[in-house]
PDB file of N, CA and C in Angstrom:
ATOM      1  N   UNK A   1      -5.837   8.155  18.247  1.00  0.00           N
ATOM      2  CA  UNK A   1      -5.632   7.849  16.853  1.00  0.00           C
ATOM      3  C   UNK A   1      -5.252   9.099  16.057  1.00  0.00           C
ATOM      4  N   UNK A   2      -5.794  10.287  16.357  1.00  0.00           N
ATOM      5  CA  UNK A   2      -5.370  11.483  15.627  1.00  0.00           C
ATOM      6  C   UNK A   2      -3.868  11.734  15.753  1.00  0.00           C
ATOM      7  N   UNK A   3      -3.277  11.400  16.933  1.00  0.00           N
ATOM      8  CA  UNK A   3      -1.844  11.596  17.107  1.00  0.00           C
ATOM      9  C   UNK A   3      -1.068  10.720  16.131  1.00  0.00           C
ATOM     10  N   UNK A   4      -1.542   9.493  15.911  1.00  0.00           N
ATOM     11  CA  UNK A   4      -0.877   8.578  14.981  1.00  0.00           C
ATOM     12  C   UNK A   4      -0.916   9.133  13.567  1.00  0.00           C
ATOM     13  N   UNK A   5      -2.036   9.703  13.193  1.00  0.00           N
ATOM     14  CA  UNK A   5      -2.166  10.305  11.859  1.00  0.00           C
ATOM     15  C   UNK A   5      -1.207  11.483  11.734  1.00  0.00           C
ATOM     16  N   UNK A   6      -1.122  12.312  12.766  1.00  0.00           N
ATOM     17  CA  UNK A   6      -0.204  13.444  12.742  1.00  0.00           C
ATOM     18  C   UNK A   6       1.242  12.974  12.632  1.00  0.00           C
ATOM     19  N   UNK A   7       1.593  11.902  13.358  1.00  0.00           N
ATOM     20  CA  UNK A   7       2.951  11.369  13.293  1.00  0.00           C
ATOM     21  C   UNK A   7       3.279  10.875  11.886  1.00  0.00           C
ATOM     22  N   UNK A   8       2.333  10.215  11.259  1.00  0.00           N
ATOM     23  CA  UNK A   8       2.567   9.730   9.900  1.00  0.00           C
ATOM     24  C   UNK A   8       2.769  10.885   8.928  1.00  0.00           C
ATOM     25  N   UNK A   9       2.008  11.950   9.111  1.00  0.00           N
ATOM     26  CA  UNK A   9       2.129  13.112   8.230  1.00  0.00           C
ATOM     27  C   UNK A   9       3.478  13.811   8.396  1.00  0.00           C
ATOM     28  N   UNK A  10       4.049  13.724   9.593  1.00  0.00           N
ATOM     29  CA  UNK A  10       5.294  14.430   9.885  1.00  0.00           C
ATOM     30  C   UNK A  10       6.536  13.656   9.465  1.00  0.00           C
ATOM     31  N   UNK A  11       6.404  12.422   9.053  1.00  0.00           N
ATOM     32  CA  UNK A  11       7.562  11.619   8.667  1.00  0.00           C
ATOM     33  C   UNK A  11       8.337  12.313   7.544  1.00  0.00           C
ATOM     34  N   UNK A  12       9.654  12.321   7.683  1.00  0.00           N
ATOM     35  CA  UNK A  12      10.507  12.969   6.697  1.00  0.00           C
ATOM     36  C   UNK A  12      10.975  12.003   5.611  1.00  0.00           C
ATOM     37  N   UNK A  13      10.963  10.706   5.889  1.00  0.00           N
ATOM     38  CA  UNK A  13      11.452   9.726   4.916  1.00  0.00           C
ATOM     39  C   UNK A  13      10.316   9.222   4.030  1.00  0.00           C
ATOM     40  N   UNK A  14      10.692   8.544   2.988  1.00  0.00           N
ATOM     41  CA  UNK A  14       9.713   8.032   2.034  1.00  0.00           C
ATOM     42  C   UNK A  14       8.828   6.972   2.669  1.00  0.00           C
ATOM     43  N   UNK A  15       7.551   7.017   2.361  1.00  0.00           N
ATOM     44  CA  UNK A  15       6.609   6.014   2.840  1.00  0.00           C
ATOM     45  C   UNK A  15       6.327   4.956   1.772  1.00  0.00           C
ATOM     46  N   UNK A  16       7.125   4.951   0.697  1.00  0.00           N
ATOM     47  CA  UNK A  16       6.933   3.962  -0.354  1.00  0.00           C
ATOM     48  C   UNK A  16       7.228   2.570   0.185  1.00  0.00           C
ATOM     49  N   UNK A  17       6.501   1.603  -0.313  1.00  0.00           N
ATOM     50  CA  UNK A  17       6.731   0.222   0.085  1.00  0.00           C
ATOM     51  C   UNK A  17       6.319  -0.679  -1.064  1.00  0.00           C
ATOM     52  N   UNK A  18       6.822  -1.897  -1.023  1.00  0.00           N
ATOM     53  CA  UNK A  18       6.501  -2.873  -2.057  1.00  0.00           C
ATOM     54  C   UNK A  18       5.275  -3.665  -1.622  1.00  0.00           C
ATOM     55  N   UNK A  19       4.370  -3.877  -2.558  1.00  0.00           N
ATOM     56  CA  UNK A  19       3.167  -4.662  -2.287  1.00  0.00           C
ATOM     57  C   UNK A  19       3.158  -5.843  -3.251  1.00  0.00           C
ATOM     58  N   UNK A  20       3.252  -7.039  -2.709  1.00  0.00           N
ATOM     59  CA  UNK A  20       3.248  -8.232  -3.550  1.00  0.00           C
ATOM     60  C   UNK A  20       1.873  -8.408  -4.185  1.00  0.00           C
ATOM     61  N   UNK A  21       1.860  -8.865  -5.403  1.00  0.00           N
ATOM     62  CA  UNK A  21       0.628  -9.044  -6.177  1.00  0.00           C
ATOM     63  C   UNK A  21      -0.414  -9.867  -5.420  1.00  0.00           C
ATOM     64  N   UNK A  22       0.029 -10.910  -4.728  1.00  0.00           N
ATOM     65  CA  UNK A  22      -0.924 -11.778  -4.022  1.00  0.00           C
ATOM     66  C   UNK A  22      -1.591 -11.096  -2.830  1.00  0.00           C
ATOM     67  N   UNK A  23      -1.099  -9.926  -2.435  1.00  0.00           N
ATOM     68  CA  UNK A  23      -1.679  -9.200  -1.302  1.00  0.00           C
ATOM     69  C   UNK A  23      -2.524  -8.000  -1.714  1.00  0.00           C
ATOM     70  N   UNK A  24      -2.583  -7.697  -2.994  1.00  0.00           N
ATOM     71  CA  UNK A  24      -3.276  -6.493  -3.458  1.00  0.00           C
ATOM     72  C   UNK A  24      -4.745  -6.485  -3.046  1.00  0.00           C
ATOM     73  N   UNK A  25      -5.457  -7.581  -3.266  1.00  0.00           N
ATOM     74  CA  UNK A  25      -6.887  -7.606  -2.942  1.00  0.00           C
ATOM     75  C   UNK A  25      -7.137  -7.446  -1.448  1.00  0.00           C
ATOM     76  N   UNK A  26      -6.288  -8.040  -0.625  1.00  0.00           N
ATOM     77  CA  UNK A  26      -6.458  -7.910   0.829  1.00  0.00           C
ATOM     78  C   UNK A  26      -6.224  -6.464   1.258  1.00  0.00           C
ATOM     79  N   UNK A  27      -5.194  -5.834   0.723  1.00  0.00           N
ATOM     80  CA  UNK A  27      -4.913  -4.441   1.073  1.00  0.00           C
ATOM     81  C   UNK A  27      -6.056  -3.541   0.608  1.00  0.00           C
ATOM     82  N   UNK A  28      -6.557  -3.772  -0.589  1.00  0.00           N
ATOM     83  CA  UNK A  28      -7.693  -2.980  -1.073  1.00  0.00           C
ATOM     84  C   UNK A  28      -8.900  -3.145  -0.149  1.00  0.00           C
ATOM     85  N   UNK A  29      -9.175  -4.369   0.272  1.00  0.00           N
ATOM     86  CA  UNK A  29     -10.310  -4.604   1.159  1.00  0.00           C
ATOM     87  C   UNK A  29     -10.080  -3.962   2.527  1.00  0.00           C
ATOM     88  N   UNK A  30      -8.851  -4.042   3.034  1.00  0.00           N
ATOM     89  CA  UNK A  30      -8.528  -3.405   4.312  1.00  0.00           C
ATOM     90  C   UNK A  30      -8.790  -1.903   4.226  1.00  0.00           C
ATOM     91  N   UNK A  31      -8.430  -1.293   3.118  1.00  0.00           N
ATOM     92  CA  UNK A  31      -8.688   0.140   2.937  1.00  0.00           C
ATOM     93  C   UNK A  31     -10.181   0.424   2.854  1.00  0.00           C
ATOM     94  N   UNK A  32     -10.947  -0.480   2.249  1.00  0.00           N
ATOM     95  CA  UNK A  32     -12.402  -0.307   2.213  1.00  0.00           C
ATOM     96  C   UNK A  32     -12.999  -0.407   3.615  1.00  0.00           C
ATOM     97  N   UNK A  33     -12.340  -1.147   4.490  1.00  0.00           N
ATOM     98  CA  UNK A  33     -12.825  -1.364   5.862  1.00  0.00           C
ATOM     99  C   UNK A  33     -12.355  -0.270   6.824  1.00  0.00           C
ATOM    100  N   UNK A  34     -11.650   0.730   6.341  1.00  0.00           N
ATOM    101  CA  UNK A  34     -11.012   1.687   7.243  1.00  0.00           C
ATOM    102  C   UNK A  34     -11.981   2.474   8.129  1.00  0.00           C
ATOM    103  N   UNK A  35     -13.256   2.526   7.778  1.00  0.00           N
ATOM    104  CA  UNK A  35     -14.224   3.226   8.626  1.00  0.00           C
ATOM    105  C   UNK A  35     -15.012   2.259   9.508  1.00  0.00           C
ATOM    106  N   UNK A  36     -14.593   1.019   9.553  1.00  0.00           N
ATOM    107  CA  UNK A  36     -15.360  -0.008  10.264  1.00  0.00           C
ATOM    108  C   UNK A  36     -14.700  -0.480  11.561  1.00  0.00           C
ATOM    109  N   UNK A  37     -13.869   0.353  12.159  1.00  0.00           N
ATOM    110  CA  UNK A  37     -13.231  -0.010  13.425  1.00  0.00           C
ATOM    111  C   UNK A  37     -14.236   0.069  14.568  1.00  0.00           C
ATOM    112  N   UNK A  38     -14.218  -0.932  15.409  1.00  0.00           N
ATOM    113  CA  UNK A  38     -14.977  -0.904  16.661  1.00  0.00           C
ATOM    114  C   UNK A  38     -14.046  -0.256  17.684  1.00  0.00           C
ATOM    115  N   UNK A  39     -14.544   0.777  18.352  1.00  0.00           N
ATOM    116  CA  UNK A  39     -13.706   1.543  19.265  1.00  0.00           C
ATOM    117  C   UNK A  39     -14.280   1.463  20.669  1.00  0.00           C
ATOM    118  N   UNK A  40     -13.413   1.118  21.616  1.00  0.00           N
ATOM    119  CA  UNK A  40     -13.789   1.079  23.024  1.00  0.00           C
ATOM    120  C   UNK A  40     -13.177   2.261  23.756  1.00  0.00           C
ATOM    121  N   UNK A  41     -13.221   2.220  25.051  1.00  0.00           N
ATOM    122  CA  UNK A  41     -12.684   3.313  25.874  1.00  0.00           C
ATOM    123  C   UNK A  41     -11.187   3.507  25.664  1.00  0.00           C
ATOM    124  N   UNK A  42     -10.471   2.432  25.350  1.00  0.00           N
ATOM    125  CA  UNK A  42      -9.026   2.516  25.162  1.00  0.00           C
ATOM    126  C   UNK A  42      -8.604   2.690  23.719  1.00  0.00           C
ATOM    127  N   UNK A  43      -9.560   2.835  22.819  1.00  0.00           N
ATOM    128  CA  UNK A  43      -9.230   2.988  21.398  1.00  0.00           C
ATOM    129  C   UNK A  43      -9.786   1.835  20.577  1.00  0.00           C
ATOM    130  N   UNK A  44      -9.274   1.651  19.371  1.00  0.00           N
ATOM    131  CA  UNK A  44      -9.768   0.591  18.486  1.00  0.00           C
ATOM    132  C   UNK A  44      -9.537  -0.788  19.086  1.00  0.00           C
ATOM    133  N   UNK A  45     -10.528  -1.664  18.943  1.00  0.00           N
ATOM    134  CA  UNK A  45     -10.396  -3.027  19.457  1.00  0.00           C
ATOM    135  C   UNK A  45     -10.498  -4.080  18.357  1.00  0.00           C
ATOM    136  N   UNK A  46     -10.944  -3.697  17.183  1.00  0.00           N
ATOM    137  CA  UNK A  46     -11.050  -4.649  16.080  1.00  0.00           C
ATOM    138  C   UNK A  46     -11.974  -4.114  15.001  1.00  0.00           C
ATOM    139  N   UNK A  47     -12.039  -4.861  13.922  1.00  0.00           N
ATOM    140  CA  UNK A  47     -12.894  -4.479  12.800  1.00  0.00           C
ATOM    141  C   UNK A  47     -14.275  -5.116  12.912  1.00  0.00           C
ATOM    142  N   UNK A  48     -15.253  -4.485  12.329  1.00  0.00           N
ATOM    143  CA  UNK A  48     -16.640  -4.955  12.317  1.00  0.00           C
ATOM    144  C   UNK A  48     -16.783  -5.972  11.179  1.00  0.00           C
ATOM    145  N   UNK A  49     -16.693  -7.257  11.511  1.00  0.00           N
ATOM    146  CA  UNK A  49     -16.653  -8.311  10.495  1.00  0.00           C
ATOM    147  C   UNK A  49     -17.919  -8.439   9.652  1.00  0.00           C
ATOM    148  N   UNK A  50     -19.107  -8.136  10.169  1.00  0.00           N
ATOM    149  CA  UNK A  50     -20.269  -8.169   9.266  1.00  0.00           C
ATOM    150  C   UNK A  50     -20.121  -7.225   8.066  1.00  0.00           C
ATOM    151  N   UNK A  51     -19.414  -6.127   8.259  1.00  0.00           N
ATOM    152  CA  UNK A  51     -19.146  -5.229   7.126  1.00  0.00           C
ATOM    153  C   UNK A  51     -18.246  -5.902   6.109  1.00  0.00           C
ATOM    154  N   UNK A  52     -17.285  -6.668   6.590  1.00  0.00           N
ATOM    155  CA  UNK A  52     -16.403  -7.400   5.688  1.00  0.00           C
ATOM    156  C   UNK A  52     -17.193  -8.421   4.882  1.00  0.00           C
ATOM    157  N   UNK A  53     -18.113  -9.107   5.540  1.00  0.00           N
ATOM    158  CA  UNK A  53     -18.949 -10.086   4.826  1.00  0.00           C
ATOM    159  C   UNK A  53     -19.720  -9.400   3.692  1.00  0.00           C
ATOM    160  N   UNK A  54     -20.308  -8.254   3.979  1.00  0.00           N
ATOM    161  CA  UNK A  54     -21.060  -7.506   2.976  1.00  0.00           C
ATOM    162  C   UNK A  54     -20.153  -7.061   1.828  1.00  0.00           C
ATOM    163  N   UNK A  55     -18.965  -6.548   2.165  1.00  0.00           N
ATOM    164  CA  UNK A  55     -18.027  -6.103   1.131  1.00  0.00           C
ATOM    165  C   UNK A  55     -17.540  -7.271   0.270  1.00  0.00           C
ATOM    166  N   UNK A  56     -17.355  -8.433   0.877  1.00  0.00           N
ATOM    167  CA  UNK A  56     -16.951  -9.616   0.103  1.00  0.00           C
ATOM    168  C   UNK A  56     -18.018  -9.972  -0.934  1.00  0.00           C
ATOM    169  N   UNK A  57     -19.273  -9.839  -0.549  1.00  0.00           N
ATOM    170  CA  UNK A  57     -20.356 -10.089  -1.506  1.00  0.00           C
ATOM    171  C   UNK A  57     -20.393  -9.003  -2.573  1.00  0.00           C
ATOM    172  N   UNK A  58     -20.276  -7.763  -2.171  1.00  0.00           N
ATOM    173  CA  UNK A  58     -20.331  -6.639  -3.096  1.00  0.00           C
ATOM    174  C   UNK A  58     -19.225  -6.717  -4.150  1.00  0.00           C
ATOM    175  N   UNK A  59     -18.024  -7.091  -3.731  1.00  0.00           N
ATOM    176  CA  UNK A  59     -16.881  -7.141  -4.636  1.00  0.00           C
ATOM    177  C   UNK A  59     -16.596  -8.558  -5.149  1.00  0.00           C
ATOM    178  N   UNK A  60     -17.544  -9.461  -4.980  1.00  0.00           N
ATOM    179  CA  UNK A  60     -17.465 -10.831  -5.514  1.00  0.00           C
ATOM    180  C   UNK A  60     -16.145 -11.527  -5.166  1.00  0.00           C
ATOM    181  N   UNK A  61     -15.805 -11.492  -3.889  1.00  0.00           N
ATOM    182  CA  UNK A  61     -14.596 -12.172  -3.421  1.00  0.00           C
ATOM    183  C   UNK A  61     -14.819 -13.674  -3.535  1.00  0.00           C
ATOM    184  N   UNK A  62     -13.907 -14.364  -4.215  1.00  0.00           N
ATOM    185  CA  UNK A  62     -14.085 -15.792  -4.472  1.00  0.00           C
ATOM    186  C   UNK A  62     -13.691 -16.673  -3.286  1.00  0.00           C
ATOM    187  N   UNK A  63     -12.823 -16.168  -2.401  1.00  0.00           N
ATOM    188  CA  UNK A  63     -12.408 -16.950  -1.232  1.00  0.00           C
ATOM    189  C   UNK A  63     -12.513 -16.062   0.014  1.00  0.00           C
ATOM    190  N   UNK A  64     -13.732 -15.937   0.564  1.00  0.00           N
ATOM    191  CA  UNK A  64     -13.924 -15.052   1.722  1.00  0.00           C
ATOM    192  C   UNK A  64     -13.113 -15.469   2.948  1.00  0.00           C
ATOM    193  N   UNK A  65     -12.883 -16.773   3.118  1.00  0.00           N
ATOM    194  CA  UNK A  65     -12.100 -17.226   4.282  1.00  0.00           C
ATOM    195  C   UNK A  65     -10.664 -16.718   4.185  1.00  0.00           C
ATOM    196  N   UNK A  66     -10.068 -16.808   3.006  1.00  0.00           N
ATOM    197  CA  UNK A  66      -8.707 -16.298   2.811  1.00  0.00           C
ATOM    198  C   UNK A  66      -8.674 -14.787   2.989  1.00  0.00           C
ATOM    199  N   UNK A  67      -9.717 -14.112   2.522  1.00  0.00           N
ATOM    200  CA  UNK A  67      -9.788 -12.656   2.684  1.00  0.00           C
ATOM    201  C   UNK A  67      -9.847 -12.304   4.169  1.00  0.00           C
ATOM    202  N   UNK A  68     -10.696 -12.984   4.929  1.00  0.00           N
ATOM    203  CA  UNK A  68     -10.791 -12.743   6.366  1.00  0.00           C
ATOM    204  C   UNK A  68      -9.438 -12.948   7.040  1.00  0.00           C
ATOM    205  N   UNK A  69      -8.754 -14.025   6.689  1.00  0.00           N
ATOM    206  CA  UNK A  69      -7.449 -14.299   7.305  1.00  0.00           C
ATOM    207  C   UNK A  69      -6.442 -13.201   6.978  1.00  0.00           C
ATOM    208  N   UNK A  70      -6.442 -12.722   5.737  1.00  0.00           N
ATOM    209  CA  UNK A  70      -5.543 -11.635   5.361  1.00  0.00           C
ATOM    210  C   UNK A  70      -5.882 -10.347   6.087  1.00  0.00           C
ATOM    211  N   UNK A  71      -7.164 -10.057   6.197  1.00  0.00           N
ATOM    212  CA  UNK A  71      -7.618  -8.853   6.915  1.00  0.00           C
ATOM    213  C   UNK A  71      -7.218  -8.955   8.380  1.00  0.00           C
ATOM    214  N   UNK A  72      -7.333 -10.137   8.972  1.00  0.00           N
ATOM    215  CA  UNK A  72      -6.983 -10.301  10.377  1.00  0.00           C
ATOM    216  C   UNK A  72      -5.497 -10.066  10.623  1.00  0.00           C
ATOM    217  N   UNK A  73      -4.649 -10.463   9.680  1.00  0.00           N
ATOM    218  CA  UNK A  73      -3.215 -10.194   9.816  1.00  0.00           C
ATOM    219  C   UNK A  73      -2.972  -8.689   9.841  1.00  0.00           C
ATOM    220  N   UNK A  74      -3.619  -7.977   8.933  1.00  0.00           N
ATOM    221  CA  UNK A  74      -3.454  -6.526   8.887  1.00  0.00           C
ATOM    222  C   UNK A  74      -4.080  -5.860  10.114  1.00  0.00           C
ATOM    223  N   UNK A  75      -5.201  -6.391  10.564  1.00  0.00           N
ATOM    224  CA  UNK A  75      -5.883  -5.851  11.740  1.00  0.00           C
ATOM    225  C   UNK A  75      -4.990  -5.950  12.974  1.00  0.00           C
ATOM    226  N   UNK A  76      -4.367  -7.109  13.178  1.00  0.00           N
ATOM    227  CA  UNK A  76      -3.482  -7.301  14.330  1.00  0.00           C
ATOM    228  C   UNK A  76      -2.305  -6.332  14.265  1.00  0.00           C
ATOM    229  N   UNK A  77      -1.735  -6.165  13.069  1.00  0.00           N
ATOM    230  CA  UNK A  77      -0.619  -5.226  12.913  1.00  0.00           C
ATOM    231  C   UNK A  77      -1.072  -3.794  13.198  1.00  0.00           C
ATOM    232  N   UNK A  78      -2.245  -3.429  12.710  1.00  0.00           N
ATOM    233  CA  UNK A  78      -2.765  -2.081  12.947  1.00  0.00           C
ATOM    234  C   UNK A  78      -3.037  -1.858  14.434  1.00  0.00           C
ATOM    235  N   UNK A  79      -3.627  -2.841  15.098  1.00  0.00           N
ATOM    236  CA  UNK A  79      -3.903  -2.705  16.530  1.00  0.00           C
ATOM    237  C   UNK A  79      -2.608  -2.560  17.330  1.00  0.00           C
ATOM    238  N   UNK A  80      -1.573  -3.299  16.944  1.00  0.00           N
ATOM    239  CA  UNK A  80      -0.272  -3.178  17.615  1.00  0.00           C
ATOM    240  C   UNK A  80       0.291  -1.771  17.405  1.00  0.00           C
ATOM    241  N   UNK A  81       0.151  -1.245  16.194  1.00  0.00           N
ATOM    242  CA  UNK A  81       0.606   0.118  15.911  1.00  0.00           C
ATOM    243  C   UNK A  81      -0.162   1.133  16.745  1.00  0.00           C
ATOM    244  N   UNK A  82      -1.487   0.984  16.795  1.00  0.00           N
ATOM    245  CA  UNK A  82      -2.299   1.905  17.594  1.00  0.00           C
ATOM    246  C   UNK A  82      -1.885   1.867  19.059  1.00  0.00           C
ATOM    247  N   UNK A  83      -1.658   0.660  19.588  1.00  0.00           N
ATOM    248  CA  UNK A  83      -1.263   0.522  20.991  1.00  0.00           C
ATOM    249  C   UNK A  83       0.091   1.183  21.244  1.00  0.00           C
ATOM    250  N   UNK A  84       1.010   1.018  20.310  1.00  0.00           N
ATOM    251  CA  UNK A  84       2.342   1.614  20.460  1.00  0.00           C
ATOM    252  C   UNK A  84       2.283   3.139  20.427  1.00  0.00           C
ATOM    253  N   UNK A  85       1.418   3.677  19.596  1.00  0.00           N
ATOM    254  CA  UNK A  85       1.333   5.140  19.498  1.00  0.00           C
ATOM    255  C   UNK A  85       0.614   5.759  20.691  1.00  0.00           C
ATOM    256  N   UNK A  86      -0.119   4.951  21.463  1.00  0.00           N
ATOM    257  CA  UNK A  86      -0.802   5.466  22.661  1.00  0.00           C
ATOM    258  C   UNK A  86       0.140   5.550  23.855  1.00  0.00           C
ATOM    259  N   UNK A  87       1.301   4.952  23.766  1.00  0.00           N
ATOM    260  CA  UNK A  87       2.238   4.952  24.923  1.00  0.00           C
ATOM    261  C   UNK A  87       2.826   6.310  25.156  1.00  0.00           C
TER     262      UNK A  87
END
Protein backbone atom coordinates (compact mmCIF):
# COMPACT_ATOMS: atom_id res chain seq x y z
CA UNK A 1 0.00 0.00 0.00
CA UNK A 2 2.86 2.49 0.62
CA UNK A 3 3.88 2.04 -3.04
CA UNK A 4 0.37 3.08 -4.13
CA UNK A 5 0.59 6.21 -2.01
CA UNK A 6 3.99 7.03 -3.51
CA UNK A 7 2.61 6.52 -7.03
CA UNK A 8 -0.26 8.88 -6.33
CA UNK A 9 2.12 11.52 -5.00
CA UNK A 10 4.28 11.26 -8.13
CA UNK A 11 1.44 11.87 -10.60
CA UNK A 12 2.17 14.83 -12.85
CA UNK A 13 -1.40 15.47 -14.02
CA UNK A 14 -4.26 17.03 -12.12
CA UNK A 15 -6.07 14.84 -9.62
CA UNK A 16 -9.18 17.04 -9.72
CA UNK A 17 -12.44 15.23 -10.27
CA UNK A 18 -16.14 15.97 -10.21
CA UNK A 19 -18.18 14.73 -7.27
CA UNK A 20 -21.93 14.58 -7.75
CA UNK A 21 -23.96 16.03 -4.89
CA UNK A 22 -25.75 12.72 -4.26
CA UNK A 23 -22.39 11.04 -3.57
CA UNK A 24 -20.92 13.59 -1.15
CA UNK A 25 -22.07 11.87 2.05
CA UNK A 26 -20.82 8.46 0.90
CA UNK A 27 -17.41 9.88 -0.02
CA UNK A 28 -17.18 11.69 3.32
CA UNK A 29 -18.03 8.47 5.15
CA UNK A 30 -15.52 6.49 3.07
CA UNK A 31 -12.84 8.99 4.11
CA UNK A 32 -13.88 8.60 7.75
CA UNK A 33 -13.44 4.82 7.31
CA UNK A 34 -9.94 5.13 5.85
CA UNK A 35 -8.29 3.69 8.98
CA UNK A 36 -10.70 0.76 9.20
CA UNK A 37 -9.25 -1.58 6.57
CA UNK A 38 -8.95 -5.24 7.51
CA UNK A 39 -5.56 -6.39 6.25
CA UNK A 40 -4.51 -9.96 5.56
CA UNK A 41 -1.23 -11.45 4.38
CA UNK A 42 -1.90 -10.23 0.83
CA UNK A 43 -2.98 -6.72 1.79
CA UNK A 44 -6.37 -5.10 2.41
CA UNK A 45 -9.35 -7.45 2.20
CA UNK A 46 -12.23 -5.16 3.15
CA UNK A 47 -13.55 -2.58 5.56
CA UNK A 48 -14.53 -3.20 9.19
CA UNK A 49 -18.31 -2.79 8.93
CA UNK A 50 -19.01 -2.49 12.68
CA UNK A 51 -17.07 0.78 12.50
CA UNK A 52 -19.36 1.93 9.73
CA UNK A 53 -22.40 1.12 11.87
CA UNK A 54 -20.97 3.23 14.70
CA UNK A 55 -20.13 6.12 12.35
CA UNK A 56 -23.65 6.02 10.87
CA UNK A 57 -25.04 6.49 14.38
CA UNK A 58 -22.51 9.19 15.25
CA UNK A 59 -23.26 11.20 12.11
CA UNK A 60 -27.03 10.51 12.17
CA UNK A 61 -27.16 8.81 8.78
CA UNK A 62 -30.83 8.55 7.83
CA UNK A 63 -30.45 5.61 5.42
CA UNK A 64 -27.69 3.28 6.68
CA UNK A 65 -28.49 0.62 4.07
CA UNK A 66 -27.91 3.08 1.22
CA UNK A 67 -24.73 4.27 2.94
CA UNK A 68 -23.45 0.69 3.22
CA UNK A 69 -24.18 0.06 -0.46
CA UNK A 70 -22.34 3.24 -1.47
CA UNK A 71 -19.38 2.37 0.75
CA UNK A 72 -19.27 -1.13 -0.75
CA UNK A 73 -19.04 0.30 -4.27
CA UNK A 74 -16.08 2.43 -3.22
CA UNK A 75 -14.56 -0.47 -1.27
CA UNK A 76 -14.64 -2.76 -4.32
CA UNK A 77 -13.03 -0.05 -6.46
CA UNK A 78 -10.35 0.56 -3.83
CA UNK A 79 -9.61 -3.16 -3.49
CA UNK A 80 -9.27 -3.45 -7.29
CA UNK A 81 -6.85 -0.51 -7.24
CA UNK A 82 -4.82 -2.05 -4.42
CA UNK A 83 -4.64 -5.37 -6.28
CA UNK A 84 -3.52 -3.64 -9.48
CA UNK A 85 -0.77 -1.73 -7.70
CA UNK A 86 0.58 -4.96 -6.15
CA UNK A 87 1.29 -6.46 -9.59
